[in-house]
Amino acid sequence: METNHQSEAYKPGDIVYVFYRNPHTQDVTHIQQAAVVNNPDNPQELAMFLYETYYPLTQEMAVYATEEEAEQAYRYYFGTASEGSFE
């Protein structure tokens, strides 16, 4: 199963979906929508903007172009649909 996407496939303004662990309850993971933006620290690189924080968009990140792809990967890794998914 393909989980990592090349950052070159995205451009600023794209909406992507990622797994996000609840910082207060580490055993809870949701699918969360994030925006692809220019990295404010290095405008030649891309970043994800999620919960008022910038994360460098790297090949180590599991980033999905659609909610359906994220849901499929979530079921593969965690066995059930994400409670945090969008309907």
N, C-alpha and C. Protein backbone atom coordinates (compact mmCIF):
# COMPACT_ATOMS: atom_id res chain seq x y z
N MET A 1 0.84 -1.18 0.00
CA MET A 1 0.00 0.00 0.00
C MET A 1 0.89 1.24 0.00
N GLU A 2 0.61 2.16 -0.89
CA GLU A 2 1.35 3.42 -0.99
C GLU A 2 0.89 4.36 0.11
N THR A 3 1.82 4.81 0.96
CA THR A 3 1.44 5.72 2.03
C THR A 3 2.10 7.06 1.93
N ASN A 4 3.25 7.14 1.32
CA ASN A 4 3.96 8.41 1.23
C ASN A 4 3.87 8.92 -0.20
N HIS A 5 3.62 10.21 -0.31
CA HIS A 5 3.55 10.83 -1.62
C HIS A 5 4.69 11.81 -1.75
N GLN A 6 5.24 11.94 -2.93
CA GLN A 6 6.32 12.87 -3.18
C GLN A 6 5.80 14.28 -2.97
N SER A 7 6.54 15.10 -2.25
CA SER A 7 6.11 16.47 -2.01
C SER A 7 5.99 17.25 -3.31
N GLU A 8 6.69 16.84 -4.38
CA GLU A 8 6.60 17.54 -5.65
C GLU A 8 5.22 17.39 -6.27
N ALA A 9 4.44 16.43 -5.83
CA ALA A 9 3.11 16.22 -6.38
C ALA A 9 2.12 17.27 -5.87
N TYR A 10 2.47 18.03 -4.87
CA TYR A 10 1.58 19.01 -4.28
C TYR A 10 2.05 20.42 -4.56
N LYS A 11 1.11 21.34 -4.48
CA LYS A 11 1.43 22.76 -4.66
C LYS A 11 0.70 23.56 -3.59
N PRO A 12 1.18 24.76 -3.28
CA PRO A 12 0.51 25.58 -2.28
C PRO A 12 -0.98 25.75 -2.61
N GLY A 13 -1.79 25.60 -1.60
CA GLY A 13 -3.24 25.70 -1.77
C GLY A 13 -3.94 24.36 -1.81
N ASP A 14 -3.18 23.27 -2.05
CA ASP A 14 -3.79 21.94 -2.07
C ASP A 14 -4.25 21.57 -0.67
N ILE A 15 -5.35 20.82 -0.61
CA ILE A 15 -5.83 20.26 0.65
C ILE A 15 -5.46 18.78 0.64
N VAL A 16 -4.88 18.32 1.75
CA VAL A 16 -4.46 16.92 1.89
C VAL A 16 -5.04 16.37 3.18
N TYR A 17 -4.88 15.07 3.37
CA TYR A 17 -5.38 14.40 4.56
C TYR A 17 -4.23 13.62 5.19
N VAL A 18 -4.14 13.70 6.51
CA VAL A 18 -3.06 13.06 7.26
C VAL A 18 -3.63 12.40 8.50
N PHE A 19 -2.86 11.50 9.07
CA PHE A 19 -3.20 10.94 10.37
C PHE A 19 -2.68 11.90 11.43
N TYR A 20 -3.49 12.17 12.42
CA TYR A 20 -3.10 13.10 13.48
C TYR A 20 -3.39 12.45 14.82
N ARG A 21 -2.35 12.33 15.63
CA ARG A 21 -2.52 11.76 16.98
C ARG A 21 -2.93 12.87 17.93
N ASN A 22 -3.90 12.57 18.76
CA ASN A 22 -4.33 13.50 19.79
C ASN A 22 -3.18 13.69 20.76
N PRO A 23 -2.69 14.93 20.95
CA PRO A 23 -1.54 15.15 21.83
C PRO A 23 -1.83 14.84 23.29
N HIS A 24 -3.11 14.79 23.67
CA HIS A 24 -3.48 14.52 25.06
C HIS A 24 -3.79 13.05 25.30
N THR A 25 -4.11 12.33 24.24
CA THR A 25 -4.43 10.91 24.32
C THR A 25 -3.72 10.22 23.17
N GLN A 26 -2.51 9.75 23.41
CA GLN A 26 -1.65 9.25 22.33
C GLN A 26 -2.19 8.02 21.62
N ASP A 27 -3.15 7.31 22.20
CA ASP A 27 -3.67 6.14 21.51
C ASP A 27 -4.89 6.47 20.64
N VAL A 28 -5.17 7.76 20.44
CA VAL A 28 -6.28 8.19 19.59
C VAL A 28 -5.71 8.87 18.34
N THR A 29 -6.07 8.34 17.18
CA THR A 29 -5.61 8.89 15.90
C THR A 29 -6.82 9.19 15.03
N HIS A 30 -6.78 10.34 14.38
CA HIS A 30 -7.86 10.75 13.49
C HIS A 30 -7.29 11.11 12.13
N ILE A 31 -8.16 11.13 11.15
CA ILE A 31 -7.80 11.68 9.85
C ILE A 31 -8.12 13.17 9.91
N GLN A 32 -7.15 13.98 9.54
CA GLN A 32 -7.32 15.42 9.63
C GLN A 32 -6.99 16.07 8.30
N GLN A 33 -7.76 17.06 7.94
CA GLN A 33 -7.52 17.83 6.73
C GLN A 33 -6.42 18.86 7.03
N ALA A 34 -5.51 19.07 6.08
CA ALA A 34 -4.43 20.05 6.23
C ALA A 34 -4.23 20.76 4.90
N ALA A 35 -3.63 21.93 4.96
CA ALA A 35 -3.35 22.71 3.75
C ALA A 35 -1.86 22.64 3.42
N VAL A 36 -1.56 22.54 2.13
CA VAL A 36 -0.18 22.62 1.67
C VAL A 36 0.13 24.11 1.43
N VAL A 37 1.23 24.56 2.00
CA VAL A 37 1.64 25.97 1.91
C VAL A 37 3.13 26.05 1.67
N ASN A 38 3.61 27.23 1.32
CA ASN A 38 5.06 27.45 1.28
C ASN A 38 5.56 27.49 2.71
N ASN A 39 6.68 26.85 2.96
CA ASN A 39 7.28 26.83 4.29
C ASN A 39 7.72 28.25 4.64
N PRO A 40 7.21 28.84 5.74
CA PRO A 40 7.58 30.22 6.07
C PRO A 40 9.06 30.37 6.40
N ASP A 41 9.72 29.29 6.82
CA ASP A 41 11.14 29.35 7.14
C ASP A 41 12.01 29.17 5.90
N ASN A 42 11.46 28.54 4.86
CA ASN A 42 12.19 28.32 3.62
C ASN A 42 11.16 28.31 2.49
N PRO A 43 10.84 29.46 1.90
CA PRO A 43 9.77 29.56 0.91
C PRO A 43 9.94 28.67 -0.32
N GLN A 44 11.14 28.12 -0.57
CA GLN A 44 11.32 27.21 -1.70
C GLN A 44 10.83 25.80 -1.39
N GLU A 45 10.52 25.54 -0.14
CA GLU A 45 10.03 24.23 0.28
C GLU A 45 8.55 24.31 0.64
N LEU A 46 7.90 23.15 0.58
CA LEU A 46 6.49 23.08 0.97
C LEU A 46 6.36 22.62 2.41
N ALA A 47 5.26 23.01 3.02
CA ALA A 47 4.94 22.60 4.38
C ALA A 47 3.44 22.29 4.43
N MET A 48 3.04 21.59 5.49
CA MET A 48 1.64 21.38 5.77
C MET A 48 1.26 22.30 6.91
N PHE A 49 0.11 22.93 6.81
CA PHE A 49 -0.38 23.79 7.88
C PHE A 49 -1.53 23.05 8.54
N LEU A 50 -1.32 22.70 9.81
CA LEU A 50 -2.28 21.89 10.56
C LEU A 50 -2.33 22.39 11.98
N TYR A 51 -3.50 22.75 12.45
CA TYR A 51 -3.69 23.24 13.82
C TYR A 51 -2.73 24.37 14.16
N GLU A 52 -2.68 25.37 13.28
CA GLU A 52 -1.88 26.58 13.50
C GLU A 52 -0.37 26.30 13.57
N THR A 53 0.06 25.17 13.02
CA THR A 53 1.48 24.79 13.05
C THR A 53 1.91 24.38 11.64
N TYR A 54 3.13 24.74 11.28
CA TYR A 54 3.71 24.34 10.00
C TYR A 54 4.56 23.09 10.20
N TYR A 55 4.37 22.09 9.34
CA TYR A 55 5.15 20.87 9.36
C TYR A 55 5.82 20.71 8.00
N PRO A 56 7.13 20.53 7.95
CA PRO A 56 7.78 20.34 6.63
C PRO A 56 7.14 19.15 5.91
N LEU A 57 6.86 19.32 4.65
CA LEU A 57 6.27 18.25 3.84
C LEU A 57 7.40 17.40 3.30
N THR A 58 7.60 16.24 3.91
CA THR A 58 8.69 15.36 3.54
C THR A 58 8.15 14.02 3.08
N GLN A 59 9.02 13.21 2.49
CA GLN A 59 8.62 11.89 2.02
C GLN A 59 8.35 10.93 3.18
N GLU A 60 8.77 11.28 4.38
CA GLU A 60 8.52 10.43 5.54
C GLU A 60 7.10 10.56 6.06
N MET A 61 6.37 11.56 5.59
CA MET A 61 5.00 11.79 6.05
C MET A 61 4.02 10.98 5.22
N ALA A 62 3.03 10.44 5.88
CA ALA A 62 1.94 9.77 5.18
C ALA A 62 0.90 10.83 4.87
N VAL A 63 0.85 11.24 3.62
CA VAL A 63 -0.04 12.31 3.16
C VAL A 63 -0.92 11.73 2.06
N TYR A 64 -2.21 12.01 2.13
CA TYR A 64 -3.15 11.46 1.15
C TYR A 64 -3.87 12.59 0.44
N ALA A 65 -4.04 12.44 -0.85
CA ALA A 65 -4.66 13.47 -1.67
C ALA A 65 -6.17 13.53 -1.48
N THR A 66 -6.77 12.42 -1.08
CA THR A 66 -8.21 12.40 -0.88
C THR A 66 -8.54 11.78 0.46
N GLU A 67 -9.71 12.12 0.94
CA GLU A 67 -10.18 11.53 2.20
C GLU A 67 -10.37 10.02 2.05
N GLU A 68 -10.81 9.59 0.87
CA GLU A 68 -11.02 8.16 0.63
C GLU A 68 -9.71 7.38 0.74
N GLU A 69 -8.62 7.93 0.17
CA GLU A 69 -7.31 7.27 0.30
C GLU A 69 -6.90 7.18 1.76
N ALA A 70 -7.12 8.25 2.50
CA ALA A 70 -6.75 8.27 3.92
C ALA A 70 -7.57 7.26 4.70
N GLU A 71 -8.87 7.19 4.42
CA GLU A 71 -9.74 6.22 5.10
C GLU A 71 -9.29 4.78 4.82
N GLN A 72 -8.93 4.50 3.56
CA GLN A 72 -8.48 3.15 3.20
C GLN A 72 -7.20 2.81 3.96
N ALA A 73 -6.26 3.73 4.01
CA ALA A 73 -5.01 3.49 4.74
C ALA A 73 -5.28 3.35 6.23
N TYR A 74 -6.18 4.17 6.75
CA TYR A 74 -6.52 4.09 8.18
C TYR A 74 -7.06 2.71 8.52
N ARG A 75 -7.98 2.21 7.69
CA ARG A 75 -8.54 0.87 7.93
C ARG A 75 -7.45 -0.19 7.85
N TYR A 76 -6.51 -0.03 6.91
CA TYR A 76 -5.42 -0.98 6.76
C TYR A 76 -4.55 -1.02 8.01
N TYR A 77 -4.21 0.14 8.54
CA TYR A 77 -3.30 0.21 9.69
C TYR A 77 -3.99 0.06 11.03
N PHE A 78 -5.23 0.56 11.15
CA PHE A 78 -5.89 0.58 12.46
C PHE A 78 -7.12 -0.32 12.53
N GLY A 79 -7.62 -0.79 11.39
CA GLY A 79 -8.71 -1.77 11.39
C GLY A 79 -10.11 -1.21 11.32
N THR A 80 -10.32 0.06 11.60
CA THR A 80 -11.66 0.65 11.54
C THR A 80 -11.58 2.04 10.94
N ALA A 81 -12.72 2.59 10.62
CA ALA A 81 -12.75 3.96 10.09
C ALA A 81 -12.42 4.95 11.17
N SER A 82 -11.84 6.04 10.77
CA SER A 82 -11.46 7.11 11.70
C SER A 82 -12.68 7.85 12.21
N GLU A 83 -12.76 8.08 13.52
CA GLU A 83 -13.86 8.84 14.09
C GLU A 83 -13.76 10.31 13.69
N GLY A 84 -12.59 10.76 13.33
CA GLY A 84 -12.38 12.16 12.99
C GLY A 84 -12.54 12.45 11.52
N SER A 85 -13.06 11.50 10.77
CA SER A 85 -13.17 11.74 9.33
C SER A 85 -14.31 12.71 9.03
N PHE A 86 -14.27 13.26 7.85
CA PHE A 86 -15.28 14.22 7.43
C PHE A 86 -16.38 13.47 6.69
N GLU A 87 -17.58 13.89 6.87
CA GLU A 87 -18.72 13.26 6.18
C GLU A 87 -19.31 14.25 5.21
